[in-house]
Amino acid sequence: MDLSGYVDSILIATAAIDAGRKGFATRGMEQEGRISYEDGIALAMTTFKKAQASADPQVLIVSEYTFITQELSFCEKDDKDALNSLNKAIQSFDDAFLALKAVENPCYKITDMTYPHSKDFRVDGFPKDAFHLAYNSHRVRIKNVLRSPGIDPLEKSLLKQRFENISTAQSSYIEKQKKVMIG
């Protein structure tokens, strides 16, 4: 699947999930809502699993970024906590995109001199740059949602898949860092 295919699938999946949630809340639309919700979750799961199998940090970040951007667009305007969290996630992923672009430049090696060598600022010995910071924050965000009571088991499985993708994205990104730093 090409990058636009991942984006399209995530857009369709999140729209179906949102329509399903709204269907649950509408008398007489519960069944249609459940079907839309389950179809959306299934498509999102398939897409996130394909993204994980690709082990391409760009595919992984674009997939997650698309998902959280769509979540933000469907978020109720008075849900200040969710809006704040999703906006912060999007901002950190914007920075992560810049880091992903930078790590592909041979000059990235100089960043090793700009980050402290303390383990607090390193991931597997490499600089903990914006890519790692975005994914570490997102890991915490997803863990917090997973701890919430009453989450539908289907949605919980999707959250767990997205959580797994974080580790894959970081491992793949570290390989890119290693390639530039070590050669």
N, C-alpha and C. Protein backbone atom coordinates (compact mmCIF):
# COMPACT_ATOMS: atom_id res chain seq x y z
N MET A 1 0.86 -1.18 0.00
CA MET A 1 0.00 0.00 0.00
C MET A 1 0.90 1.23 0.00
N ASP A 2 0.58 2.22 -0.83
CA ASP A 2 1.35 3.45 -0.84
C ASP A 2 0.85 4.37 0.28
N LEU A 3 1.59 5.45 0.51
CA LEU A 3 1.28 6.35 1.63
C LEU A 3 -0.14 6.90 1.54
N SER A 4 -0.57 7.28 0.35
CA SER A 4 -1.93 7.82 0.22
C SER A 4 -2.98 6.75 0.53
N GLY A 5 -2.67 5.49 0.29
CA GLY A 5 -3.59 4.41 0.63
C GLY A 5 -3.80 4.31 2.13
N TYR A 6 -2.71 4.48 2.89
CA TYR A 6 -2.83 4.47 4.36
C TYR A 6 -3.70 5.63 4.82
N VAL A 7 -3.45 6.80 4.26
CA VAL A 7 -4.22 7.99 4.64
C VAL A 7 -5.70 7.79 4.33
N ASP A 8 -5.99 7.33 3.12
CA ASP A 8 -7.39 7.10 2.73
C ASP A 8 -8.07 6.10 3.65
N SER A 9 -7.39 5.01 3.96
CA SER A 9 -7.98 3.99 4.84
C SER A 9 -8.26 4.54 6.23
N ILE A 10 -7.33 5.30 6.76
CA ILE A 10 -7.52 5.88 8.09
C ILE A 10 -8.67 6.90 8.07
N LEU A 11 -8.74 7.70 7.02
CA LEU A 11 -9.83 8.67 6.92
C LEU A 11 -11.19 7.97 6.88
N ILE A 12 -11.30 6.93 6.10
CA ILE A 12 -12.55 6.17 6.01
C ILE A 12 -12.87 5.50 7.35
N ALA A 13 -11.85 4.91 7.97
CA ALA A 13 -12.05 4.21 9.24
C ALA A 13 -12.51 5.16 10.34
N THR A 14 -11.84 6.31 10.47
CA THR A 14 -12.22 7.24 11.55
C THR A 14 -13.62 7.81 11.32
N ALA A 15 -13.97 8.06 10.06
CA ALA A 15 -15.32 8.56 9.76
C ALA A 15 -16.37 7.51 10.14
N ALA A 16 -16.08 6.25 9.86
CA ALA A 16 -17.02 5.17 10.22
C ALA A 16 -17.12 5.01 11.73
N ILE A 17 -15.99 5.11 12.42
CA ILE A 17 -16.01 5.01 13.89
C ILE A 17 -16.84 6.14 14.48
N ASP A 18 -16.61 7.36 14.01
CA ASP A 18 -17.37 8.51 14.51
C ASP A 18 -18.86 8.37 14.21
N ALA A 19 -19.18 7.96 12.99
CA ALA A 19 -20.59 7.76 12.63
C ALA A 19 -21.22 6.68 13.51
N GLY A 20 -20.45 5.66 13.80
CA GLY A 20 -20.94 4.60 14.68
C GLY A 20 -21.22 5.10 16.08
N ARG A 21 -20.30 5.87 16.62
CA ARG A 21 -20.51 6.43 17.97
C ARG A 21 -21.75 7.29 18.01
N LYS A 22 -21.94 8.09 16.98
CA LYS A 22 -23.13 8.95 16.93
C LYS A 22 -24.39 8.11 16.75
N GLY A 23 -24.27 7.01 16.03
CA GLY A 23 -25.41 6.11 15.87
C GLY A 23 -25.82 5.47 17.18
N PHE A 24 -24.84 5.13 18.03
CA PHE A 24 -25.14 4.56 19.34
C PHE A 24 -26.03 5.49 20.14
N ALA A 25 -25.80 6.79 19.98
CA ALA A 25 -26.49 7.79 20.79
C ALA A 25 -27.83 8.24 20.19
N THR A 26 -28.19 7.68 19.07
CA THR A 26 -29.43 8.08 18.40
C THR A 26 -30.44 6.94 18.46
N ARG A 27 -31.57 7.22 19.08
CA ARG A 27 -32.61 6.21 19.21
C ARG A 27 -33.01 5.68 17.82
N GLY A 28 -33.02 4.37 17.69
CA GLY A 28 -33.39 3.73 16.44
C GLY A 28 -32.23 3.54 15.48
N MET A 29 -31.06 4.09 15.81
CA MET A 29 -29.89 3.97 14.94
C MET A 29 -28.78 3.14 15.57
N GLU A 30 -29.11 2.48 16.70
CA GLU A 30 -28.09 1.75 17.43
C GLU A 30 -27.44 0.65 16.58
N GLN A 31 -28.26 -0.12 15.86
CA GLN A 31 -27.75 -1.23 15.06
C GLN A 31 -26.85 -0.72 13.93
N GLU A 32 -27.31 0.31 13.20
CA GLU A 32 -26.51 0.88 12.13
C GLU A 32 -25.22 1.48 12.69
N GLY A 33 -25.35 2.10 13.86
CA GLY A 33 -24.18 2.66 14.52
C GLY A 33 -23.16 1.60 14.87
N ARG A 34 -23.66 0.48 15.40
CA ARG A 34 -22.74 -0.61 15.78
C ARG A 34 -22.02 -1.16 14.55
N ILE A 35 -22.74 -1.32 13.46
CA ILE A 35 -22.13 -1.85 12.23
C ILE A 35 -21.07 -0.89 11.71
N SER A 36 -21.38 0.40 11.67
CA SER A 36 -20.42 1.40 11.20
C SER A 36 -19.19 1.43 12.11
N TYR A 37 -19.42 1.40 13.41
CA TYR A 37 -18.33 1.41 14.40
C TYR A 37 -17.42 0.21 14.20
N GLU A 38 -18.00 -0.98 14.11
CA GLU A 38 -17.21 -2.20 13.95
C GLU A 38 -16.45 -2.21 12.62
N ASP A 39 -17.09 -1.74 11.55
CA ASP A 39 -16.41 -1.66 10.25
C ASP A 39 -15.23 -0.70 10.32
N GLY A 40 -15.44 0.43 10.98
CA GLY A 40 -14.36 1.42 11.12
C GLY A 40 -13.19 0.88 11.93
N ILE A 41 -13.50 0.23 13.04
CA ILE A 41 -12.44 -0.35 13.88
C ILE A 41 -11.69 -1.42 13.08
N ALA A 42 -12.40 -2.27 12.36
CA ALA A 42 -11.76 -3.33 11.57
C ALA A 42 -10.83 -2.74 10.51
N LEU A 43 -11.29 -1.72 9.81
CA LEU A 43 -10.45 -1.09 8.78
C LEU A 43 -9.23 -0.42 9.41
N ALA A 44 -9.43 0.26 10.51
CA ALA A 44 -8.31 0.91 11.20
C ALA A 44 -7.30 -0.14 11.67
N MET A 45 -7.79 -1.24 12.26
CA MET A 45 -6.88 -2.31 12.72
C MET A 45 -6.06 -2.85 11.56
N THR A 46 -6.71 -3.16 10.45
CA THR A 46 -6.01 -3.69 9.29
C THR A 46 -4.95 -2.71 8.81
N THR A 47 -5.31 -1.45 8.75
CA THR A 47 -4.38 -0.42 8.27
C THR A 47 -3.21 -0.25 9.21
N PHE A 48 -3.47 -0.21 10.52
CA PHE A 48 -2.37 -0.06 11.48
C PHE A 48 -1.47 -1.29 11.50
N LYS A 49 -2.04 -2.47 11.31
CA LYS A 49 -1.21 -3.67 11.24
C LYS A 49 -0.32 -3.66 10.00
N LYS A 50 -0.87 -3.21 8.88
CA LYS A 50 -0.06 -3.09 7.65
C LYS A 50 1.05 -2.06 7.85
N ALA A 51 0.71 -0.96 8.51
CA ALA A 51 1.71 0.07 8.78
C ALA A 51 2.83 -0.49 9.66
N GLN A 52 2.45 -1.26 10.67
CA GLN A 52 3.46 -1.87 11.55
C GLN A 52 4.33 -2.84 10.76
N ALA A 53 3.72 -3.63 9.90
CA ALA A 53 4.47 -4.61 9.10
C ALA A 53 5.44 -3.92 8.14
N SER A 54 5.09 -2.72 7.71
CA SER A 54 5.99 -1.99 6.80
C SER A 54 7.27 -1.57 7.51
N ALA A 55 7.19 -1.36 8.82
CA ALA A 55 8.30 -0.88 9.64
C ALA A 55 8.92 0.40 9.07
N ASP A 56 8.13 1.16 8.36
CA ASP A 56 8.59 2.42 7.78
C ASP A 56 8.13 3.54 8.70
N PRO A 57 9.07 4.28 9.31
CA PRO A 57 8.65 5.32 10.24
C PRO A 57 7.74 6.37 9.62
N GLN A 58 7.93 6.65 8.32
CA GLN A 58 7.06 7.63 7.67
C GLN A 58 5.63 7.11 7.58
N VAL A 59 5.47 5.86 7.20
CA VAL A 59 4.13 5.26 7.12
C VAL A 59 3.49 5.24 8.50
N LEU A 60 4.25 4.87 9.51
CA LEU A 60 3.73 4.79 10.87
C LEU A 60 3.30 6.16 11.40
N ILE A 61 4.13 7.17 11.16
CA ILE A 61 3.80 8.49 11.68
C ILE A 61 2.63 9.11 10.90
N VAL A 62 2.60 8.91 9.58
CA VAL A 62 1.49 9.46 8.79
C VAL A 62 0.18 8.80 9.19
N SER A 63 0.20 7.50 9.43
CA SER A 63 -1.02 6.79 9.83
C SER A 63 -1.54 7.32 11.16
N GLU A 64 -0.66 7.42 12.14
CA GLU A 64 -1.09 7.89 13.46
C GLU A 64 -1.50 9.36 13.41
N TYR A 65 -0.75 10.16 12.69
CA TYR A 65 -1.07 11.59 12.56
C TYR A 65 -2.43 11.78 11.93
N THR A 66 -2.71 11.01 10.90
CA THR A 66 -4.01 11.09 10.23
C THR A 66 -5.13 10.72 11.20
N PHE A 67 -4.90 9.67 11.98
CA PHE A 67 -5.92 9.22 12.94
C PHE A 67 -6.21 10.31 13.98
N ILE A 68 -5.16 10.88 14.58
CA ILE A 68 -5.40 11.86 15.63
C ILE A 68 -5.95 13.17 15.06
N THR A 69 -5.57 13.51 13.84
CA THR A 69 -6.13 14.70 13.19
C THR A 69 -7.63 14.51 12.97
N GLN A 70 -8.02 13.33 12.53
CA GLN A 70 -9.44 13.03 12.34
C GLN A 70 -10.17 13.01 13.69
N GLU A 71 -9.56 12.43 14.71
CA GLU A 71 -10.18 12.44 16.04
C GLU A 71 -10.46 13.88 16.47
N LEU A 72 -9.50 14.76 16.21
CA LEU A 72 -9.67 16.17 16.57
C LEU A 72 -10.84 16.78 15.80
N SER A 73 -10.94 16.47 14.52
CA SER A 73 -12.02 17.07 13.72
C SER A 73 -13.40 16.58 14.16
N PHE A 74 -13.48 15.38 14.73
CA PHE A 74 -14.76 14.85 15.19
C PHE A 74 -15.04 15.14 16.67
N CYS A 75 -14.06 15.74 17.35
CA CYS A 75 -14.17 16.00 18.78
C CYS A 75 -15.22 17.09 19.04
N GLU A 76 -15.98 16.89 20.09
CA GLU A 76 -16.96 17.90 20.51
C GLU A 76 -16.21 19.17 20.93
N LYS A 77 -16.70 20.30 20.50
CA LYS A 77 -16.02 21.59 20.74
C LYS A 77 -15.95 21.97 22.22
N ASP A 78 -16.80 21.38 23.06
CA ASP A 78 -16.76 21.70 24.48
C ASP A 78 -15.94 20.68 25.29
N ASP A 79 -15.33 19.72 24.62
CA ASP A 79 -14.49 18.73 25.29
C ASP A 79 -13.05 19.27 25.35
N LYS A 80 -12.84 20.21 26.24
CA LYS A 80 -11.56 20.94 26.32
C LYS A 80 -10.37 20.01 26.59
N ASP A 81 -10.55 18.98 27.42
CA ASP A 81 -9.44 18.08 27.73
C ASP A 81 -8.99 17.31 26.48
N ALA A 82 -9.95 16.78 25.75
CA ALA A 82 -9.62 16.03 24.53
C ALA A 82 -9.03 16.96 23.48
N LEU A 83 -9.61 18.13 23.32
CA LEU A 83 -9.08 19.09 22.34
C LEU A 83 -7.65 19.47 22.66
N ASN A 84 -7.38 19.75 23.92
CA ASN A 84 -6.04 20.12 24.36
C ASN A 84 -5.06 18.98 24.11
N SER A 85 -5.42 17.78 24.48
CA SER A 85 -4.55 16.61 24.31
C SER A 85 -4.26 16.35 22.83
N LEU A 86 -5.29 16.38 22.01
CA LEU A 86 -5.11 16.11 20.58
C LEU A 86 -4.32 17.22 19.90
N ASN A 87 -4.55 18.46 20.28
CA ASN A 87 -3.76 19.56 19.71
C ASN A 87 -2.28 19.44 20.08
N LYS A 88 -2.00 19.07 21.32
CA LYS A 88 -0.61 18.85 21.73
C LYS A 88 0.01 17.69 20.95
N ALA A 89 -0.76 16.63 20.76
CA ALA A 89 -0.26 15.48 20.00
C ALA A 89 0.08 15.90 18.57
N ILE A 90 -0.80 16.65 17.95
CA ILE A 90 -0.57 17.09 16.57
C ILE A 90 0.67 17.98 16.50
N GLN A 91 0.83 18.89 17.46
CA GLN A 91 2.02 19.75 17.47
C GLN A 91 3.30 18.93 17.62
N SER A 92 3.27 17.94 18.50
CA SER A 92 4.48 17.13 18.69
C SER A 92 4.76 16.26 17.46
N PHE A 93 3.71 15.80 16.79
CA PHE A 93 3.92 15.03 15.56
C PHE A 93 4.41 15.93 14.43
N ASP A 94 3.99 17.21 14.41
CA ASP A 94 4.54 18.14 13.43
C ASP A 94 6.06 18.25 13.59
N ASP A 95 6.51 18.33 14.84
CA ASP A 95 7.95 18.35 15.11
C ASP A 95 8.61 17.02 14.73
N ALA A 96 7.91 15.93 14.97
CA ALA A 96 8.46 14.62 14.63
C ALA A 96 8.66 14.47 13.13
N PHE A 97 7.75 15.04 12.33
CA PHE A 97 7.93 15.02 10.87
C PHE A 97 9.23 15.73 10.49
N LEU A 98 9.52 16.84 11.16
CA LEU A 98 10.77 17.56 10.88
C LEU A 98 11.98 16.72 11.24
N ALA A 99 11.91 16.03 12.36
CA ALA A 99 13.02 15.16 12.77
C ALA A 99 13.20 14.01 11.78
N LEU A 100 12.10 13.47 11.31
CA LEU A 100 12.16 12.38 10.33
C LEU A 100 12.83 12.84 9.04
N LYS A 101 12.53 14.05 8.64
CA LYS A 101 13.17 14.60 7.45
C LYS A 101 14.66 14.86 7.72
N ALA A 102 14.96 15.39 8.90
CA ALA A 102 16.35 15.70 9.24
C ALA A 102 17.22 14.46 9.33
N VAL A 103 16.69 13.36 9.87
CA VAL A 103 17.49 12.15 10.06
C VAL A 103 17.90 11.53 8.72
N GLU A 104 17.23 11.91 7.66
CA GLU A 104 17.58 11.38 6.34
C GLU A 104 18.67 12.21 5.68
N ASN A 105 19.10 13.28 6.33
CA ASN A 105 20.15 14.14 5.83
C ASN A 105 21.47 13.71 6.48
N PRO A 106 22.53 13.50 5.69
CA PRO A 106 23.82 13.10 6.27
C PRO A 106 24.34 14.07 7.33
N CYS A 107 23.93 15.32 7.27
CA CYS A 107 24.37 16.32 8.26
C CYS A 107 23.73 16.10 9.63
N TYR A 108 22.74 15.21 9.69
CA TYR A 108 22.07 14.92 10.97
C TYR A 108 23.08 14.49 12.02
N LYS A 109 24.16 13.91 11.59
CA LYS A 109 25.18 13.40 12.52
C LYS A 109 25.61 14.46 13.53
N ILE A 110 25.55 15.71 13.14
CA ILE A 110 25.96 16.79 14.03
C ILE A 110 25.06 16.89 15.26
N THR A 111 23.83 16.38 15.16
CA THR A 111 22.93 16.46 16.32
C THR A 111 23.49 15.71 17.52
N ASP A 112 24.36 14.74 17.26
CA ASP A 112 24.96 14.00 18.37
C ASP A 112 25.74 14.94 19.29
N MET A 113 26.23 16.02 18.72
CA MET A 113 26.99 16.99 19.53
C MET A 113 26.08 18.00 20.21
N THR A 114 24.81 18.03 19.86
CA THR A 114 23.91 19.03 20.43
C THR A 114 23.02 18.50 21.55
N TYR A 115 23.03 17.19 21.75
CA TYR A 115 22.23 16.58 22.81
C TYR A 115 23.16 16.05 23.90
N PRO A 116 22.80 16.27 25.16
CA PRO A 116 23.62 15.71 26.24
C PRO A 116 23.73 14.19 26.09
N HIS A 117 24.82 13.67 26.55
CA HIS A 117 25.05 12.22 26.44
C HIS A 117 24.53 11.45 27.65
N SER A 118 23.83 12.14 28.53
CA SER A 118 23.17 11.49 29.66
C SER A 118 22.06 10.59 29.13
N LYS A 119 21.83 9.49 29.81
CA LYS A 119 20.79 8.54 29.37
C LYS A 119 19.41 9.18 29.31
N ASP A 120 19.19 10.26 30.06
CA ASP A 120 17.90 10.95 30.04
C ASP A 120 17.60 11.59 28.68
N PHE A 121 18.64 11.84 27.92
CA PHE A 121 18.49 12.50 26.63
C PHE A 121 18.83 11.58 25.46
N ARG A 122 18.85 10.28 25.74
CA ARG A 122 19.24 9.29 24.74
C ARG A 122 18.23 8.15 24.68
N VAL A 123 18.11 7.56 23.51
CA VAL A 123 17.32 6.35 23.31
C VAL A 123 18.26 5.37 22.61
N ASP A 124 18.59 4.30 23.28
CA ASP A 124 19.56 3.32 22.75
C ASP A 124 20.87 3.99 22.33
N GLY A 125 21.25 5.04 23.04
CA GLY A 125 22.49 5.73 22.76
C GLY A 125 22.39 6.84 21.73
N PHE A 126 21.23 7.02 21.14
CA PHE A 126 21.05 8.05 20.11
C PHE A 126 20.23 9.21 20.67
N PRO A 127 20.41 10.42 20.08
CA PRO A 127 19.69 11.59 20.60
C PRO A 127 18.17 11.39 20.66
N LYS A 128 17.62 11.77 21.80
CA LYS A 128 16.16 11.72 21.98
C LYS A 128 15.60 13.02 21.41
N ASP A 129 15.41 13.02 20.09
CA ASP A 129 14.96 14.22 19.40
C ASP A 129 13.44 14.29 19.36
N ALA A 130 12.91 15.19 18.53
CA ALA A 130 11.47 15.43 18.48
C ALA A 130 10.67 14.19 18.10
N PHE A 131 11.24 13.31 17.30
CA PHE A 131 10.53 12.08 16.94
C PHE A 131 10.28 11.24 18.19
N HIS A 132 11.32 11.03 18.97
CA HIS A 132 11.18 10.22 20.20
C HIS A 132 10.27 10.92 21.21
N LEU A 133 10.41 12.21 21.34
CA LEU A 133 9.57 12.94 22.30
C LEU A 133 8.10 12.84 21.94
N ALA A 134 7.80 12.96 20.65
CA ALA A 134 6.40 12.85 20.21
C ALA A 134 5.85 11.47 20.53
N TYR A 135 6.61 10.44 20.23
CA TYR A 135 6.12 9.09 20.46
C TYR A 135 6.07 8.74 21.94
N ASN A 136 7.00 9.28 22.74
CA ASN A 136 6.92 9.02 24.18
C ASN A 136 5.68 9.67 24.77
N SER A 137 5.38 10.89 24.36
CA SER A 137 4.17 11.57 24.84
C SER A 137 2.92 10.83 24.38
N HIS A 138 2.95 10.38 23.15
CA HIS A 138 1.79 9.67 22.61
C HIS A 138 1.58 8.33 23.30
N ARG A 139 2.69 7.69 23.66
CA ARG A 139 2.60 6.42 24.40
C ARG A 139 1.85 6.64 25.71
N VAL A 140 2.19 7.71 26.42
CA VAL A 140 1.51 8.04 27.68
C VAL A 140 0.04 8.34 27.43
N ARG A 141 -0.24 9.09 26.37
CA ARG A 141 -1.62 9.45 26.04
C ARG A 141 -2.46 8.19 25.81
N ILE A 142 -1.93 7.27 25.01
CA ILE A 142 -2.68 6.04 24.72
C ILE A 142 -2.82 5.18 25.97
N LYS A 143 -1.77 5.10 26.79
CA LYS A 143 -1.86 4.33 28.04
C LYS A 143 -2.96 4.88 28.94
N ASN A 144 -3.06 6.21 29.01
CA ASN A 144 -4.10 6.82 29.83
C ASN A 144 -5.49 6.48 29.32
N VAL A 145 -5.67 6.47 28.02
CA VAL A 145 -6.97 6.11 27.46
C VAL A 145 -7.26 4.64 27.74
N LEU A 146 -6.25 3.80 27.61
CA LEU A 146 -6.44 2.37 27.87
C LEU A 146 -6.86 2.09 29.32
N ARG A 147 -6.45 2.95 30.24
CA ARG A 147 -6.79 2.78 31.65
C ARG A 147 -8.22 3.21 31.98
N SER A 148 -8.82 3.94 31.06
CA SER A 148 -10.18 4.44 31.30
C SER A 148 -11.16 3.28 31.37
N PRO A 149 -12.05 3.31 32.35
CA PRO A 149 -13.03 2.24 32.45
C PRO A 149 -14.09 2.36 31.35
N GLY A 150 -14.66 1.23 30.98
CA GLY A 150 -15.79 1.23 30.07
C GLY A 150 -15.45 1.34 28.59
N ILE A 151 -14.19 1.18 28.23
CA ILE A 151 -13.84 1.25 26.81
C ILE A 151 -14.30 -0.04 26.13
N ASP A 152 -14.92 0.12 24.98
CA ASP A 152 -15.36 -1.02 24.18
C ASP A 152 -14.16 -1.92 23.88
N PRO A 153 -14.30 -3.23 24.01
CA PRO A 153 -13.17 -4.14 23.75
C PRO A 153 -12.58 -4.00 22.34
N LEU A 154 -13.42 -3.69 21.35
CA LEU A 154 -12.90 -3.48 20.00
C LEU A 154 -11.98 -2.26 19.95
N GLU A 155 -12.43 -1.19 20.58
CA GLU A 155 -11.62 0.02 20.59
C GLU A 155 -10.35 -0.18 21.40
N LYS A 156 -10.45 -0.97 22.45
CA LYS A 156 -9.28 -1.27 23.27
C LYS A 156 -8.23 -2.02 22.44
N SER A 157 -8.68 -2.94 21.60
CA SER A 157 -7.73 -3.68 20.75
C SER A 157 -7.07 -2.74 19.74
N LEU A 158 -7.82 -1.77 19.23
CA LEU A 158 -7.25 -0.80 18.31
C LEU A 158 -6.22 0.08 19.03
N LEU A 159 -6.54 0.50 20.23
CA LEU A 159 -5.58 1.29 21.02
C LEU A 159 -4.30 0.50 21.29
N LYS A 160 -4.45 -0.78 21.59
CA LYS A 160 -3.27 -1.63 21.83
C LYS A 160 -2.43 -1.75 20.56
N GLN A 161 -3.08 -1.86 19.40
CA GLN A 161 -2.34 -1.94 18.14
C GLN A 161 -1.59 -0.63 17.88
N ARG A 162 -2.26 0.47 18.12
CA ARG A 162 -1.60 1.77 17.94
C ARG A 162 -0.43 1.91 18.91
N PHE A 163 -0.59 1.40 20.12
CA PHE A 163 0.49 1.42 21.10
C PHE A 163 1.68 0.60 20.61
N GLU A 164 1.40 -0.59 20.04
CA GLU A 164 2.47 -1.42 19.48
C GLU A 164 3.19 -0.70 18.35
N ASN A 165 2.44 0.04 17.55
CA ASN A 165 3.04 0.76 16.43
C ASN A 165 4.05 1.80 16.90
N ILE A 166 3.85 2.33 18.11
CA ILE A 166 4.79 3.30 18.66
C ILE A 166 6.18 2.67 18.79
N SER A 167 6.24 1.47 19.35
CA SER A 167 7.54 0.79 19.51
C SER A 167 8.17 0.50 18.16
N THR A 168 7.36 0.07 17.22
CA THR A 168 7.87 -0.22 15.88
C THR A 168 8.41 1.05 15.24
N ALA A 169 7.67 2.14 15.37
CA ALA A 169 8.11 3.42 14.79
C ALA A 169 9.43 3.86 15.40
N GLN A 170 9.53 3.76 16.71
CA GLN A 170 10.77 4.19 17.36
C GLN A 170 11.94 3.28 16.98
N SER A 171 11.73 2.00 16.92
CA SER A 171 12.81 1.08 16.52
C SER A 171 13.27 1.38 15.10
N SER A 172 12.32 1.61 14.21
CA SER A 172 12.67 1.92 12.82
C SER A 172 13.39 3.26 12.72
N TYR A 173 12.96 4.19 13.53
CA TYR A 173 13.61 5.50 13.53
C TYR A 173 15.03 5.39 14.07
N ILE A 174 15.22 4.60 15.11
CA ILE A 174 16.56 4.39 15.65
C ILE A 174 17.48 3.79 14.58
N GLU A 175 16.95 2.91 13.76
CA GLU A 175 17.74 2.36 12.66
C GLU A 175 18.19 3.46 11.71
N LYS A 176 17.32 4.42 11.45
CA LYS A 176 17.68 5.56 10.61
C LYS A 176 18.76 6.39 11.28
N GLN A 177 18.62 6.61 12.60
CA GLN A 177 19.63 7.35 13.33
C GLN A 177 20.97 6.61 13.28
N LYS A 178 20.91 5.31 13.49
CA LYS A 178 22.12 4.49 13.47
C LYS A 178 22.82 4.57 12.12
N LYS A 179 22.03 4.51 11.07
CA LYS A 179 22.58 4.55 9.71
C LYS A 179 23.36 5.85 9.47
N VAL A 180 22.83 6.97 9.97
CA VAL A 180 23.49 8.25 9.78
C VAL A 180 24.67 8.39 10.73
N MET A 181 24.48 8.00 11.98
CA MET A 181 25.51 8.23 13.00
C MET A 181 26.70 7.27 12.89
N ILE A 182 26.40 6.02 12.62
CA ILE A 182 27.45 5.00 12.60
C ILE A 182 27.86 4.67 11.17
N GLY A 183 26.89 4.70 10.29
CA GLY A 183 27.20 4.42 8.88
C GLY A 183 26.79 3.07 8.41
